[in-house]
C-alpha atoms as a PDB file:
ATOM      1  CA  UNK A   1     -63.695  68.841 -25.472  1.00  0.00           C
ATOM      2  CA  UNK A   2     -64.632  66.036 -23.034  1.00  0.00           C
ATOM      3  CA  UNK A   3     -68.132  67.404 -22.183  1.00  0.00           C
ATOM      4  CA  UNK A   4     -68.915  67.748 -25.888  1.00  0.00           C
ATOM      5  CA  UNK A   5     -67.785  64.143 -26.583  1.00  0.00           C
ATOM      6  CA  UNK A   6     -70.055  62.855 -23.789  1.00  0.00           C
ATOM      7  CA  UNK A   7     -72.964  64.829 -25.182  1.00  0.00           C
ATOM      8  CA  UNK A   8     -72.381  63.327 -28.625  1.00  0.00           C
ATOM      9  CA  UNK A   9     -72.217  59.828 -27.135  1.00  0.00           C
ATOM     10  CA  UNK A  10     -75.555  60.347 -25.380  1.00  0.00           C
ATOM     11  CA  UNK A  11     -77.274  61.729 -28.471  1.00  0.00           C
ATOM     12  CA  UNK A  12     -78.000  58.339 -30.161  1.00  0.00           C
ATOM     13  CA  UNK A  13     -79.476  56.973 -26.915  1.00  0.00           C
ATOM     14  CA  UNK A  14     -81.749  60.012 -26.491  1.00  0.00           C
ATOM     15  CA  UNK A  15     -82.838  59.759 -30.129  1.00  0.00           C
ATOM     16  CA  UNK A  16     -83.723  56.072 -29.794  1.00  0.00           C
ATOM     17  CA  UNK A  17     -85.636  56.749 -26.544  1.00  0.00           C
ATOM     18  CA  UNK A  18     -87.641  59.541 -28.142  1.00  0.00           C
ATOM     19  CA  UNK A  19     -88.330  57.330 -31.149  1.00  0.00           C
ATOM     20  CA  UNK A  20     -89.644  54.554 -28.884  1.00  0.00           C
ATOM     21  CA  UNK A  21     -91.823  56.966 -26.931  1.00  0.00           C
ATOM     22  CA  UNK A  22     -93.178  58.352 -30.173  1.00  0.00           C
ATOM     23  CA  UNK A  23     -94.285  54.872 -31.224  1.00  0.00           C
ATOM     24  CA  UNK A  24     -96.134  54.103 -27.987  1.00  0.00           C
ATOM     25  CA  UNK A  25     -99.827  54.943 -28.395  1.00  0.00           C
ATOM     26  CA  UNK A  26    -101.725  56.674 -25.600  1.00  0.00           C
ATOM     27  CA  UNK A  27    -104.468  54.086 -25.190  1.00  0.00           C
ATOM     28  CA  UNK A  28    -106.965  56.310 -23.378  1.00  0.00           C
ATOM     29  CA  UNK A  29    -110.528  55.030 -23.120  1.00  0.00           C
ATOM     30  CA  UNK A  30    -111.713  58.310 -21.564  1.00  0.00           C
ATOM     31  CA  UNK A  31    -110.055  61.611 -22.565  1.00  0.00           C
ATOM     32  CA  UNK A  32    -111.691  63.212 -19.501  1.00  0.00           C
ATOM     33  CA  UNK A  33    -111.586  60.445 -16.918  1.00  0.00           C
ATOM     34  CA  UNK A  34    -114.591  60.806 -14.544  1.00  0.00           C
ATOM     35  CA  UNK A  35    -113.039  58.458 -11.988  1.00  0.00           C
ATOM     36  CA  UNK A  36    -109.987  60.618 -11.176  1.00  0.00           C
ATOM     37  CA  UNK A  37    -110.617  62.952  -8.245  1.00  0.00           C
ATOM     38  CA  UNK A  38    -109.210  66.466  -8.021  1.00  0.00           C
ATOM     39  CA  UNK A  39    -105.920  66.803  -6.160  1.00  0.00           C
ATOM     40  CA  UNK A  40    -106.624  67.033  -2.454  1.00  0.00           C
ATOM     41  CA  UNK A  41    -110.247  66.021  -2.988  1.00  0.00           C
ATOM     42  CA  UNK A  42    -112.309  63.364  -1.251  1.00  0.00           C
ATOM     43  CA  UNK A  43    -111.579  59.844  -2.488  1.00  0.00           C
ATOM     44  CA  UNK A  44    -114.493  57.607  -3.343  1.00  0.00           C
ATOM     45  CA  UNK A  45    -115.894  55.270  -0.725  1.00  0.00           C
ATOM     46  CA  UNK A  46    -116.330  52.059  -2.729  1.00  0.00           C
ATOM     47  CA  UNK A  47    -118.443  49.450  -0.936  1.00  0.00           C
ATOM     48  CA  UNK A  48    -116.689  46.105  -1.396  1.00  0.00           C
ATOM     49  CA  UNK A  49    -119.334  43.496  -2.190  1.00  0.00           C
ATOM     50  CA  UNK A  50    -121.819  46.003  -0.794  1.00  0.00           C
ATOM     51  CA  UNK A  51    -119.873  46.433   2.498  1.00  0.00           C
ATOM     52  CA  UNK A  52    -119.380  42.731   3.150  1.00  0.00           C
ATOM     53  CA  UNK A  53    -118.372  43.150   6.812  1.00  0.00           C
ATOM     54  CA  UNK A  54    -121.721  44.761   7.579  1.00  0.00           C
ATOM     55  CA  UNK A  55    -124.203  42.711   5.541  1.00  0.00           C
ATOM     56  CA  UNK A  56    -124.250  39.427   3.594  1.00  0.00           C
ATOM     57  CA  UNK A  57    -121.963  40.154   0.665  1.00  0.00           C
ATOM     58  CA  UNK A  58    -123.244  40.836  -2.841  1.00  0.00           C
ATOM     59  CA  UNK A  59    -126.895  40.788  -1.762  1.00  0.00           C
ATOM     60  CA  UNK A  60    -129.551  43.444  -2.205  1.00  0.00           C
ATOM     61  CA  UNK A  61    -129.509  43.855   1.570  1.00  0.00           C
ATOM     62  CA  UNK A  62    -125.843  44.856   1.337  1.00  0.00           C
ATOM     63  CA  UNK A  63    -126.416  47.271  -1.542  1.00  0.00           C
ATOM     64  CA  UNK A  64    -129.386  48.830   0.283  1.00  0.00           C
ATOM     65  CA  UNK A  65    -127.298  49.288   3.419  1.00  0.00           C
ATOM     66  CA  UNK A  66    -124.338  50.759   1.534  1.00  0.00           C
ATOM     67  CA  UNK A  67    -126.528  53.221  -0.329  1.00  0.00           C
ATOM     68  CA  UNK A  68    -128.137  54.311   2.939  1.00  0.00           C
ATOM     69  CA  UNK A  69    -124.686  54.891   4.480  1.00  0.00           C
ATOM     70  CA  UNK A  70    -123.816  57.259   1.644  1.00  0.00           C
ATOM     71  CA  UNK A  71    -121.057  55.448  -0.236  1.00  0.00           C
ATOM     72  CA  UNK A  72    -119.848  56.832  -3.563  1.00  0.00           C
ATOM     73  CA  UNK A  73    -119.804  53.596  -5.556  1.00  0.00           C
ATOM     74  CA  UNK A  74    -120.967  49.996  -5.303  1.00  0.00           C
ATOM     75  CA  UNK A  75    -118.482  47.194  -5.967  1.00  0.00           C
ATOM     76  CA  UNK A  76    -119.834  43.747  -6.774  1.00  0.00           C
ATOM     77  CA  UNK A  77    -118.872  40.406  -8.261  1.00  0.00           C
ATOM     78  CA  UNK A  78    -120.927  38.605 -10.894  1.00  0.00           C
ATOM     79  CA  UNK A  79    -121.278  34.989 -11.951  1.00  0.00           C
ATOM     80  CA  UNK A  80    -123.370  33.491 -14.736  1.00  0.00           C
ATOM     81  CA  UNK A  81    -126.102  30.966 -14.000  1.00  0.00           C
ATOM     82  CA  UNK A  82    -127.014  27.932 -16.087  1.00  0.00           C
ATOM     83  CA  UNK A  83    -129.814  29.957 -17.727  1.00  0.00           C
ATOM     84  CA  UNK A  84    -127.471  32.890 -18.520  1.00  0.00           C
ATOM     85  CA  UNK A  85    -128.558  35.269 -15.759  1.00  0.00           C
ATOM     86  CA  UNK A  86    -125.889  37.325 -14.014  1.00  0.00           C
ATOM     87  CA  UNK A  87    -126.112  37.114 -10.238  1.00  0.00           C
ATOM     88  CA  UNK A  88    -124.049  39.121  -7.778  1.00  0.00           C
ATOM     89  CA  UNK A  89    -121.882  36.467  -6.157  1.00  0.00           C
ATOM     90  CA  UNK A  90    -118.160  36.184  -5.470  1.00  0.00           C
ATOM     91  CA  UNK A  91    -117.246  32.507  -5.651  1.00  0.00           C
ATOM     92  CA  UNK A  92    -117.451  29.907  -8.389  1.00  0.00           C
ATOM     93  CA  UNK A  93    -119.469  27.806  -5.946  1.00  0.00           C
ATOM     94  CA  UNK A  94    -122.248  28.678  -3.498  1.00  0.00           C
ATOM     95  CA  UNK A  95    -120.705  26.665  -0.645  1.00  0.00           C
ATOM     96  CA  UNK A  96    -119.148  29.491   1.414  1.00  0.00           C
ATOM     97  CA  UNK A  97    -122.035  31.948   1.654  1.00  0.00           C
ATOM     98  CA  UNK A  98    -125.128  29.738   1.372  1.00  0.00           C
ATOM     99  CA  UNK A  99    -126.604  26.587   2.841  1.00  0.00           C
ATOM    100  CA  UNK A 100    -126.217  24.870  -0.525  1.00  0.00           C
ATOM    101  CA  UNK A 101    -123.281  23.549  -2.477  1.00  0.00           C
ATOM    102  CA  UNK A 102    -122.099  23.312  -6.066  1.00  0.00           C
ATOM    103  CA  UNK A 103    -121.177  25.667  -8.880  1.00  0.00           C
ATOM    104  CA  UNK A 104    -123.263  28.725  -9.718  1.00  0.00           C
ATOM    105  CA  UNK A 105    -123.009  27.759 -13.396  1.00  0.00           C
ATOM    106  CA  UNK A 106    -124.761  24.445 -12.693  1.00  0.00           C
ATOM    107  CA  UNK A 107    -127.893  26.119 -11.299  1.00  0.00           C
ATOM    108  CA  UNK A 108    -130.654  28.159 -12.898  1.00  0.00           C
ATOM    109  CA  UNK A 109    -131.517  31.413 -11.168  1.00  0.00           C
ATOM    110  CA  UNK A 110    -134.814  29.932  -9.957  1.00  0.00           C
ATOM    111  CA  UNK A 111    -132.987  26.962  -8.459  1.00  0.00           C
ATOM    112  CA  UNK A 112    -130.605  29.266  -6.581  1.00  0.00           C
ATOM    113  CA  UNK A 113    -133.558  31.013  -4.918  1.00  0.00           C
ATOM    114  CA  UNK A 114    -134.081  27.997  -2.652  1.00  0.00           C
ATOM    115  CA  UNK A 115    -130.852  28.720  -0.756  1.00  0.00           C
ATOM    116  CA  UNK A 116    -130.052  31.171   2.041  1.00  0.00           C
ATOM    117  CA  UNK A 117    -127.186  33.456   1.008  1.00  0.00           C
ATOM    118  CA  UNK A 118    -126.987  34.923   4.481  1.00  0.00           C
ATOM    119  CA  UNK A 119    -126.079  31.531   5.930  1.00  0.00           C
ATOM    120  CA  UNK A 120    -122.325  32.207   5.746  1.00  0.00           C
ATOM    121  CA  UNK A 121    -122.444  35.724   7.216  1.00  0.00           C
ATOM    122  CA  UNK A 122    -121.010  36.569  10.627  1.00  0.00           C
ATOM    123  CA  UNK A 123    -121.536  40.111  11.934  1.00  0.00           C
ATOM    124  CA  UNK A 124    -119.083  42.337  13.811  1.00  0.00           C
ATOM    125  CA  UNK A 125    -120.196  40.860  17.145  1.00  0.00           C
ATOM    126  CA  UNK A 126    -119.624  37.289  15.995  1.00  0.00           C
ATOM    127  CA  UNK A 127    -123.313  36.530  15.535  1.00  0.00           C
ATOM    128  CA  UNK A 128    -124.993  34.847  12.572  1.00  0.00           C
ATOM    129  CA  UNK A 129    -128.270  36.770  12.372  1.00  0.00           C
ATOM    130  CA  UNK A 130    -129.552  35.319   9.102  1.00  0.00           C
ATOM    131  CA  UNK A 131    -129.392  31.595   9.813  1.00  0.00           C
ATOM    132  CA  UNK A 132    -133.167  31.566  10.264  1.00  0.00           C
ATOM    133  CA  UNK A 133    -133.910  34.679   8.200  1.00  0.00           C
ATOM    134  CA  UNK A 134    -133.074  33.683   4.614  1.00  0.00           C
ATOM    135  CA  UNK A 135    -131.368  36.158   2.294  1.00  0.00           C
ATOM    136  CA  UNK A 136    -131.912  35.369  -1.364  1.00  0.00           C
ATOM    137  CA  UNK A 137    -129.385  35.618  -4.180  1.00  0.00           C
ATOM    138  CA  UNK A 138    -129.520  38.861  -6.160  1.00  0.00           C
ATOM    139  CA  UNK A 139    -129.757  39.424  -9.900  1.00  0.00           C
ATOM    140  CA  UNK A 140    -127.450  42.081 -11.320  1.00  0.00           C
ATOM    141  CA  UNK A 141    -130.235  43.628 -13.375  1.00  0.00           C
ATOM    142  CA  UNK A 142    -132.251  44.142 -10.174  1.00  0.00           C
ATOM    143  CA  UNK A 143    -129.350  46.107  -8.668  1.00  0.00           C
ATOM    144  CA  UNK A 144    -129.033  48.180 -11.846  1.00  0.00           C
ATOM    145  CA  UNK A 145    -132.755  48.908 -11.881  1.00  0.00           C
ATOM    146  CA  UNK A 146    -132.638  50.139  -8.266  1.00  0.00           C
ATOM    147  CA  UNK A 147    -129.204  51.770  -8.047  1.00  0.00           C
ATOM    148  CA  UNK A 148    -128.267  52.572 -11.629  1.00  0.00           C
ATOM    149  CA  UNK A 149    -127.634  56.192 -10.616  1.00  0.00           C
ATOM    150  CA  UNK A 150    -124.597  55.015  -8.591  1.00  0.00           C
ATOM    151  CA  UNK A 151    -121.190  54.341 -10.118  1.00  0.00           C
ATOM    152  CA  UNK A 152    -120.557  50.580 -10.239  1.00  0.00           C
ATOM    153  CA  UNK A 153    -117.401  48.495 -10.192  1.00  0.00           C
ATOM    154  CA  UNK A 154    -118.373  45.071 -11.537  1.00  0.00           C
ATOM    155  CA  UNK A 155    -115.914  42.179 -11.429  1.00  0.00           C
ATOM    156  CA  UNK A 156    -116.520  39.230 -13.751  1.00  0.00           C
ATOM    157  CA  UNK A 157    -115.533  36.151 -11.755  1.00  0.00           C
ATOM    158  CA  UNK A 158    -116.041  33.526 -14.464  1.00  0.00           C
ATOM    159  CA  UNK A 159    -113.280  32.669 -16.924  1.00  0.00           C
ATOM    160  CA  UNK A 160    -113.017  30.836 -20.222  1.00  0.00           C
ATOM    161  CA  UNK A 161    -116.148  30.400 -22.325  1.00  0.00           C
ATOM    162  CA  UNK A 162    -118.450  31.006 -19.374  1.00  0.00           C
ATOM    163  CA  UNK A 163    -116.561  34.237 -18.680  1.00  0.00           C
ATOM    164  CA  UNK A 164    -117.077  35.335 -22.273  1.00  0.00           C
ATOM    165  CA  UNK A 165    -120.799  34.579 -22.048  1.00  0.00           C
ATOM    166  CA  UNK A 166    -120.931  36.553 -18.793  1.00  0.00           C
ATOM    167  CA  UNK A 167    -119.204  39.457 -20.563  1.00  0.00           C
ATOM    168  CA  UNK A 168    -121.767  39.317 -23.391  1.00  0.00           C
ATOM    169  CA  UNK A 169    -124.675  39.518 -20.937  1.00  0.00           C
ATOM    170  CA  UNK A 170    -122.989  42.274 -18.914  1.00  0.00           C
ATOM    171  CA  UNK A 171    -122.284  44.401 -21.980  1.00  0.00           C
ATOM    172  CA  UNK A 172    -125.961  44.249 -22.979  1.00  0.00           C
ATOM    173  CA  UNK A 173    -127.165  45.123 -19.466  1.00  0.00           C
ATOM    174  CA  UNK A 174    -124.889  48.151 -19.229  1.00  0.00           C
ATOM    175  CA  UNK A 175    -126.282  49.423 -22.507  1.00  0.00           C
ATOM    176  CA  UNK A 176    -129.866  48.624 -21.482  1.00  0.00           C
ATOM    177  CA  UNK A 177    -129.605  50.525 -18.193  1.00  0.00           C
ATOM    178  CA  UNK A 178    -127.579  53.391 -19.710  1.00  0.00           C
ATOM    179  CA  UNK A 179    -124.652  52.857 -17.341  1.00  0.00           C
ATOM    180  CA  UNK A 180    -121.729  53.098 -19.757  1.00  0.00           C
ATOM    181  CA  UNK A 181    -120.325  56.268 -18.202  1.00  0.00           C
ATOM    182  CA  UNK A 182    -120.755  55.100 -14.596  1.00  0.00           C
ATOM    183  CA  UNK A 183    -119.414  51.551 -14.703  1.00  0.00           C
ATOM    184  CA  UNK A 184    -115.925  50.045 -14.506  1.00  0.00           C
ATOM    185  CA  UNK A 185    -115.598  46.405 -15.571  1.00  0.00           C
ATOM    186  CA  UNK A 186    -112.958  44.401 -13.721  1.00  0.00           C
ATOM    187  CA  UNK A 187    -111.558  40.884 -13.920  1.00  0.00           C
ATOM    188  CA  UNK A 188    -108.418  39.087 -12.798  1.00  0.00           C
ATOM    189  CA  UNK A 189    -108.463  37.300 -16.162  1.00  0.00           C
ATOM    190  CA  UNK A 190    -106.678  39.328 -18.842  1.00  0.00           C
ATOM    191  CA  UNK A 191    -108.398  37.446 -21.651  1.00  0.00           C
ATOM    192  CA  UNK A 192    -111.849  38.368 -20.286  1.00  0.00           C
ATOM    193  CA  UNK A 193    -111.021  42.074 -20.226  1.00  0.00           C
ATOM    194  CA  UNK A 194    -109.595  41.818 -23.752  1.00  0.00           C
ATOM    195  CA  UNK A 195    -112.788  40.091 -24.860  1.00  0.00           C
ATOM    196  CA  UNK A 196    -114.953  42.714 -23.161  1.00  0.00           C
ATOM    197  CA  UNK A 197    -113.079  45.548 -24.860  1.00  0.00           C
ATOM    198  CA  UNK A 198    -113.598  43.783 -28.177  1.00  0.00           C
ATOM    199  CA  UNK A 199    -117.362  43.258 -27.854  1.00  0.00           C
ATOM    200  CA  UNK A 200    -117.907  46.786 -26.508  1.00  0.00           C
ATOM    201  CA  UNK A 201    -115.712  48.222 -29.271  1.00  0.00           C
ATOM    202  CA  UNK A 202    -113.660  49.911 -26.520  1.00  0.00           C
ATOM    203  CA  UNK A 203    -116.610  52.168 -25.701  1.00  0.00           C
ATOM    204  CA  UNK A 204    -117.069  50.799 -22.161  1.00  0.00           C
ATOM    205  CA  UNK A 205    -114.733  51.398 -19.249  1.00  0.00           C
ATOM    206  CA  UNK A 206    -112.492  48.700 -17.775  1.00  0.00           C
ATOM    207  CA  UNK A 207    -109.824  48.461 -15.109  1.00  0.00           C
ATOM    208  CA  UNK A 208    -106.500  46.756 -15.658  1.00  0.00           C
ATOM    209  CA  UNK A 209    -106.540  42.941 -15.279  1.00  0.00           C
ATOM    210  CA  UNK A 210    -103.820  41.025 -13.465  1.00  0.00           C
ATOM    211  CA  UNK A 211    -100.930  41.044 -15.956  1.00  0.00           C
ATOM    212  CA  UNK A 212    -101.527  44.626 -17.058  1.00  0.00           C
ATOM    213  CA  UNK A 213    -101.718  45.766 -13.424  1.00  0.00           C
ATOM    214  CA  UNK A 214     -98.429  44.059 -12.592  1.00  0.00           C
ATOM    215  CA  UNK A 215     -96.731  45.670 -15.573  1.00  0.00           C
ATOM    216  CA  UNK A 216     -98.167  49.076 -14.713  1.00  0.00           C
ATOM    217  CA  UNK A 217     -96.907  48.908 -11.134  1.00  0.00           C
ATOM    218  CA  UNK A 218     -93.448  47.670 -12.130  1.00  0.00           C
ATOM    219  CA  UNK A 219     -92.992  50.351 -14.789  1.00  0.00           C
ATOM    220  CA  UNK A 220     -94.158  53.049 -12.382  1.00  0.00           C
ATOM    221  CA  UNK A 221     -91.569  51.943  -9.837  1.00  0.00           C
ATOM    222  CA  UNK A 222     -88.792  51.861 -12.445  1.00  0.00           C
ATOM    223  CA  UNK A 223     -89.924  55.182 -13.930  1.00  0.00           C
ATOM    224  CA  UNK A 224     -90.486  53.649 -17.374  1.00  0.00           C
ATOM    225  CA  UNK A 225     -94.244  54.013 -17.197  1.00  0.00           C
ATOM    226  CA  UNK A 226     -94.519  55.941 -20.453  1.00  0.00           C
ATOM    227  CA  UNK A 227     -93.655  52.729 -22.274  1.00  0.00           C
ATOM    228  CA  UNK A 228     -96.836  51.023 -21.056  1.00  0.00           C
ATOM    229  CA  UNK A 229    -100.311  52.398 -21.757  1.00  0.00           C
ATOM    230  CA  UNK A 230    -103.086  50.043 -20.662  1.00  0.00           C
ATOM    231  CA  UNK A 231    -106.514  50.385 -22.264  1.00  0.00           C
ATOM    232  CA  UNK A 232    -108.196  51.160 -18.962  1.00  0.00           C
ATOM    233  CA  UNK A 233    -109.672  54.003 -16.930  1.00  0.00           C
ATOM    234  CA  UNK A 234    -108.571  52.606 -13.570  1.00  0.00           C
ATOM    235  CA  UNK A 235    -106.285  50.188 -11.814  1.00  0.00           C
ATOM    236  CA  UNK A 236    -107.246  48.445  -8.584  1.00  0.00           C
ATOM    237  CA  UNK A 237    -104.409  47.289  -6.383  1.00  0.00           C
ATOM    238  CA  UNK A 238    -103.574  46.087  -2.864  1.00  0.00           C
ATOM    239  CA  UNK A 239    -101.190  48.090  -0.696  1.00  0.00           C
ATOM    240  CA  UNK A 240     -98.535  45.429  -1.164  1.00  0.00           C
ATOM    241  CA  UNK A 241     -97.960  42.510  -3.497  1.00  0.00           C
ATOM    242  CA  UNK A 242     -95.159  39.928  -3.386  1.00  0.00           C
ATOM    243  CA  UNK A 243     -93.353  42.056  -0.823  1.00  0.00           C
ATOM    244  CA  UNK A 244     -93.487  45.141  -3.035  1.00  0.00           C
ATOM    245  CA  UNK A 245     -95.091  48.249  -1.549  1.00  0.00           C
ATOM    246  CA  UNK A 246     -97.619  49.748  -3.952  1.00  0.00           C
ATOM    247  CA  UNK A 247     -98.885  52.386  -1.517  1.00  0.00           C
ATOM    248  CA  UNK A 248     -96.480  55.019  -2.840  1.00  0.00           C
ATOM    249  CA  UNK A 249     -97.108  58.527  -4.091  1.00  0.00           C
ATOM    250  CA  UNK A 250     -94.973  57.886  -7.176  1.00  0.00           C
ATOM    251  CA  UNK A 251     -97.216  54.953  -8.097  1.00  0.00           C
ATOM    252  CA  UNK A 252    -100.282  57.174  -7.789  1.00  0.00           C
ATOM    253  CA  UNK A 253     -98.638  59.893  -9.869  1.00  0.00           C
ATOM    254  CA  UNK A 254     -97.614  57.427 -12.569  1.00  0.00           C
ATOM    255  CA  UNK A 255    -101.148  56.019 -12.775  1.00  0.00           C
ATOM    256  CA  UNK A 256    -102.553  59.556 -13.046  1.00  0.00           C
ATOM    257  CA  UNK A 257    -100.090  60.377 -15.817  1.00  0.00           C
ATOM    258  CA  UNK A 258    -101.680  57.496 -17.703  1.00  0.00           C
ATOM    259  CA  UNK A 259    -105.058  59.227 -17.285  1.00  0.00           C
ATOM    260  CA  UNK A 260    -106.182  56.425 -14.972  1.00  0.00           C
ATOM    261  CA  UNK A 261    -107.681  56.364 -11.494  1.00  0.00           C
ATOM    262  CA  UNK A 262    -106.158  54.210  -8.758  1.00  0.00           C
ATOM    263  CA  UNK A 263    -108.276  52.309  -6.236  1.00  0.00           C
ATOM    264  CA  UNK A 264    -106.792  50.373  -3.331  1.00  0.00           C
ATOM    265  CA  UNK A 265    -108.318  47.181  -1.868  1.00  0.00           C
ATOM    266  CA  UNK A 266    -109.346  45.901   0.613  1.00  0.00           C
ATOM    267  CA  UNK A 267    -108.850  48.774   3.067  1.00  0.00           C
ATOM    268  CA  UNK A 268    -110.518  48.430   6.481  1.00  0.00           C
ATOM    269  CA  UNK A 269    -107.950  49.983   8.827  1.00  0.00           C
ATOM    270  CA  UNK A 270    -108.140  53.669   9.802  1.00  0.00           C
ATOM    271  CA  UNK A 271    -104.404  54.333   9.576  1.00  0.00           C
ATOM    272  CA  UNK A 272    -104.183  52.663   6.167  1.00  0.00           C
ATOM    273  CA  UNK A 273    -107.097  54.772   4.972  1.00  0.00           C
ATOM    274  CA  UNK A 274    -105.404  57.968   6.127  1.00  0.00           C
ATOM    275  CA  UNK A 275    -102.098  57.021   4.489  1.00  0.00           C
ATOM    276  CA  UNK A 276    -103.749  56.232   1.144  1.00  0.00           C
ATOM    277  CA  UNK A 277    -105.812  59.408   1.216  1.00  0.00           C
ATOM    278  CA  UNK A 278    -102.594  61.339   1.880  1.00  0.00           C
ATOM    279  CA  UNK A 279    -100.841  59.944  -1.210  1.00  0.00           C
ATOM    280  CA  UNK A 280    -103.801  60.785  -3.442  1.00  0.00           C
ATOM    281  CA  UNK A 281    -105.754  57.549  -3.958  1.00  0.00           C
ATOM    282  CA  UNK A 282    -108.902  58.115  -6.013  1.00  0.00           C
ATOM    283  CA  UNK A 283    -110.912  55.548  -4.088  1.00  0.00           C
ATOM    284  CA  UNK A 284    -110.722  52.895  -1.404  1.00  0.00           C
ATOM    285  CA  UNK A 285    -112.521  49.586  -1.831  1.00  0.00           C
ATOM    286  CA  UNK A 286    -113.597  48.724   1.696  1.00  0.00           C
ATOM    287  CA  UNK A 287    -115.683  46.263   3.709  1.00  0.00           C
ATOM    288  CA  UNK A 288    -116.125  49.042   6.300  1.00  0.00           C
ATOM    289  CA  UNK A 289    -117.414  52.222   4.674  1.00  0.00           C
ATOM    290  CA  UNK A 290    -118.636  53.281   8.126  1.00  0.00           C
ATOM    291  CA  UNK A 291    -114.994  53.533   9.254  1.00  0.00           C
ATOM    292  CA  UNK A 292    -113.977  55.397   6.108  1.00  0.00           C
ATOM    293  CA  UNK A 293    -116.752  57.911   6.682  1.00  0.00           C
ATOM    294  CA  UNK A 294    -115.326  58.540  10.173  1.00  0.00           C
ATOM    295  CA  UNK A 295    -111.849  59.034   8.700  1.00  0.00           C
ATOM    296  CA  UNK A 296    -113.058  61.487   6.077  1.00  0.00           C
ATOM    297  CA  UNK A 297    -114.932  63.447   8.738  1.00  0.00           C
ATOM    298  CA  UNK A 298    -111.797  63.590  10.896  1.00  0.00           C
ATOM    299  CA  UNK A 299    -109.798  64.863   7.901  1.00  0.00           C
ATOM    300  CA  UNK A 300    -112.431  67.489   7.104  1.00  0.00           C
ATOM    301  CA  UNK A 301    -113.264  65.968   3.748  1.00  0.00           C
ATOM    302  CA  UNK A 302    -116.940  65.358   4.526  1.00  0.00           C
END
């Protein structure tokens, strides 16, 4: 009778678990997720800032070079100018990459054109080739007009009210250039992603922001992932965070069970690339797409 008693004792727990699972909605933005690759397929080469180790980051020069290399997607950061134009730029200020200083939000687009955004670039040989050959800041709509046939990953860098205004402008541009089905919106700020989902009526694609990503990874490691369904088509993660290894096949499988793609950043090492391809990553965000192309050729995936 002991086995039967144990079974009866477990029954209430199983019932409660099933009840909880039945109340958790599957928050899928895309029933057929275009960003998940087939098992064993070639992961996407995602040019980080337009391959920022090879060209001045987030500039048209970088996007031109990445496209010519044959990447699968362009990753870029956007900030809002004083006159509400989205420019492809990573930092809140222009100090690091240009010969100017101050916040992007304090300049109009026309004012930013006076600065050299190749000033902070150092190439693979340690040279600074653009000190006397100015590289101008790039408007997001110019990139969309030229490369709108590529998939984009666009990270909103601004937060707060400026971040919301940036989201408003971005939502309109994606509609204008008919890029809804080819664009993933990213942000480290959970409130900006929530705002973007609201204004787009959950019709545009987003990746998980910081808190949602942390929760997704933790639940995948503890095998309670079914209790957490982010409203996202992708998650973008480092190989490790706070001493926790995220480069695990079970993490990839859990993300896929949520009908989401998983992209790892920033991956520039050959061995790391091979390991992540082996566990089934859908894409690698890299400063060195040239190296990833070599890896894929070695693995017979190109």
